[in-house]
Protein backbone atom coordinates (compact mmCIF):
# COMPACT_ATOMS: atom_id res chain seq x y z
CA MET A 1 5.87 -2.35 -7.19
CA SER A 2 7.97 -2.94 -4.11
CA LEU A 3 6.69 0.32 -2.56
CA PHE A 4 3.12 -0.90 -3.10
CA LEU A 5 3.83 -4.20 -1.35
CA LEU A 6 5.71 -2.49 1.49
CA LEU A 7 2.79 -0.15 2.15
CA ILE A 8 0.35 -3.09 2.12
CA LEU A 9 2.53 -4.86 4.69
CA VAL A 10 2.73 -1.74 6.87
CA ALA A 11 -1.05 -1.31 6.72
CA VAL A 12 -1.64 -4.93 7.75
CA VAL A 13 0.83 -4.76 10.64
CA LEU A 14 -0.62 -1.47 11.93
CA GLY A 15 -4.13 -2.90 11.63
CA ILE A 16 -3.25 -6.05 13.57
CA ILE A 17 -1.49 -4.11 16.34
CA GLY A 18 -4.34 -1.61 16.52
CA PHE A 19 -6.95 -4.36 16.71
CA ALA A 20 -5.11 -6.55 19.22
CA THR A 21 -3.92 -3.88 21.65
CA HIS A 22 -6.49 -2.21 23.86
CA GLY A 23 -6.25 1.57 23.63
CA LEU A 24 -4.42 1.66 20.29
CA PHE A 25 -7.49 1.78 18.08
CA TRP A 26 -5.98 4.79 16.32
CA LEU A 27 -3.33 2.46 14.82
CA LEU A 28 -6.12 0.50 13.19
CA ILE A 29 -7.48 3.72 11.70
CA ILE A 30 -4.01 4.73 10.45
CA GLY A 31 -3.52 1.25 8.96
CA ALA A 32 -6.84 1.52 7.12
CA ALA A 33 -5.89 4.97 5.82
CA VAL A 34 -2.51 3.71 4.58
CA LEU A 35 -4.27 0.82 2.85
CA VAL A 36 -6.70 3.14 1.06
CA VAL A 37 -3.91 5.51 -0.04
CA ASP A 38 -1.85 2.56 -1.25
CA LEU A 39 -4.73 1.15 -3.28
CA VAL A 40 -5.30 4.54 -4.91
CA TYR A 41 -1.56 4.81 -5.67
CA GLY A 42 -1.49 1.29 -7.12
CA GLY A 43 -4.58 1.94 -9.21
CA ALA A 44 -3.11 5.13 -10.61
CA ARG A 45 0.12 3.38 -11.57
CA LEU A 46 -1.77 0.49 -13.14
CA ARG A 47 -4.00 2.83 -15.12
CA ARG A 48 -1.00 4.84 -16.33
CA GLY A 49 0.57 1.67 -17.71
CA GLY A 50 3.97 1.91 -16.07
CA GLY A 51 5.40 4.22 -18.71
CA ARG A 52 8.35 2.01 -19.59
CA LYS A 53 8.80 0.78 -23.14
CA HIS A 54 11.29 -2.01 -23.68
CA ARG A 55 13.03 -2.25 -27.01
CA LEU A 56 14.95 -5.19 -28.34
CA ALA A 57 18.63 -4.64 -29.13
CA ARG A 58 19.57 -5.03 -32.77
């Protein structure tokens, strides 16, 4: 989950820098690509169900 949030943060920062700085439009494109990849990754993990089963100690 922390990797998902880190990649969202990186995508937002790259997007803001790419939008605000003239001539660095490619950073905006990279930020958008990172966001799309991160959403696919998060969706795959959510669909898989996490895979961890917690058992109570007896």
